[in-house]
């Protein structure tokens, strides 16, 4: 479950960044979607250190 949340959050955050980079979505929308992705990464509780 934790890895699924982490991968989903990472995918959402990276997709948001890519769409912003290519000019497909506005910066405000990208920020909101990116925050959602970062929140999922935080909820996954995967320890890196």
C-alpha atoms as a PDB file:
ATOM      1  CA  UNK A   1       0.000   0.000   0.000  1.00  0.00           C
ATOM      2  CA  UNK A   2       2.801   2.409   0.871  1.00  0.00           C
ATOM      3  CA  UNK A   3       4.635   1.852  -2.395  1.00  0.00           C
ATOM      4  CA  UNK A   4       1.422   2.337  -4.367  1.00  0.00           C
ATOM      5  CA  UNK A   5       0.806   5.712  -2.695  1.00  0.00           C
ATOM      6  CA  UNK A   6       4.409   6.736  -3.276  1.00  0.00           C
ATOM      7  CA  UNK A   7       4.362   5.782  -6.963  1.00  0.00           C
ATOM      8  CA  UNK A   8       0.974   7.438  -7.502  1.00  0.00           C
ATOM      9  CA  UNK A   9       2.143  10.643  -5.811  1.00  0.00           C
ATOM     10  CA  UNK A  10       5.380  10.677  -7.766  1.00  0.00           C
ATOM     11  CA  UNK A  11       3.523  10.113 -11.015  1.00  0.00           C
ATOM     12  CA  UNK A  12       1.051  12.904 -10.282  1.00  0.00           C
ATOM     13  CA  UNK A  13       3.782  15.373  -9.305  1.00  0.00           C
ATOM     14  CA  UNK A  14       5.963  14.575 -12.327  1.00  0.00           C
ATOM     15  CA  UNK A  15       3.016  14.681 -14.722  1.00  0.00           C
ATOM     16  CA  UNK A  16       2.015  18.063 -13.338  1.00  0.00           C
ATOM     17  CA  UNK A  17       5.557  19.367 -13.797  1.00  0.00           C
ATOM     18  CA  UNK A  18       5.731  18.033 -17.355  1.00  0.00           C
ATOM     19  CA  UNK A  19       2.387  19.561 -18.326  1.00  0.00           C
ATOM     20  CA  UNK A  20       3.502  22.897 -16.892  1.00  0.00           C
ATOM     21  CA  UNK A  21       6.840  22.668 -18.720  1.00  0.00           C
ATOM     22  CA  UNK A  22       5.143  22.094 -22.064  1.00  0.00           C
ATOM     23  CA  UNK A  23       2.652  24.906 -21.427  1.00  0.00           C
ATOM     24  CA  UNK A  24      -0.430  22.698 -21.427  1.00  0.00           C
ATOM     25  CA  UNK A  25      -1.739  23.797 -18.017  1.00  0.00           C
ATOM     26  CA  UNK A  26      -1.527  27.048 -16.042  1.00  0.00           C
ATOM     27  CA  UNK A  27       0.924  27.468 -13.140  1.00  0.00           C
ATOM     28  CA  UNK A  28      -1.850  27.649 -10.517  1.00  0.00           C
ATOM     29  CA  UNK A  29      -3.399  24.386 -11.633  1.00  0.00           C
ATOM     30  CA  UNK A  30       0.032  22.751 -11.788  1.00  0.00           C
ATOM     31  CA  UNK A  31       0.736  23.920  -8.239  1.00  0.00           C
ATOM     32  CA  UNK A  32      -2.511  22.475  -6.888  1.00  0.00           C
ATOM     33  CA  UNK A  33      -2.002  19.146  -8.645  1.00  0.00           C
ATOM     34  CA  UNK A  34       1.650  19.037  -7.568  1.00  0.00           C
ATOM     35  CA  UNK A  35       0.684  19.649  -3.944  1.00  0.00           C
ATOM     36  CA  UNK A  36      -1.750  16.740  -4.186  1.00  0.00           C
ATOM     37  CA  UNK A  37       1.047  14.511  -5.488  1.00  0.00           C
ATOM     38  CA  UNK A  38       3.457  15.641  -2.778  1.00  0.00           C
ATOM     39  CA  UNK A  39       0.761  14.957  -0.179  1.00  0.00           C
ATOM     40  CA  UNK A  40       0.396  11.388  -1.432  1.00  0.00           C
ATOM     41  CA  UNK A  41       4.163  10.947  -1.213  1.00  0.00           C
ATOM     42  CA  UNK A  42       4.028  12.207   2.379  1.00  0.00           C
ATOM     43  CA  UNK A  43       1.168   9.857   3.248  1.00  0.00           C
ATOM     44  CA  UNK A  44       3.110   6.865   1.948  1.00  0.00           C
ATOM     45  CA  UNK A  45       5.514   7.043   4.940  1.00  0.00           C
ATOM     46  CA  UNK A  46       8.420   5.637   2.936  1.00  0.00           C
ATOM     47  CA  UNK A  47      11.656   6.259   4.827  1.00  0.00           C
ATOM     48  CA  UNK A  48      14.686   7.052   2.728  1.00  0.00           C
ATOM     49  CA  UNK A  49      17.269   7.349   5.499  1.00  0.00           C
END
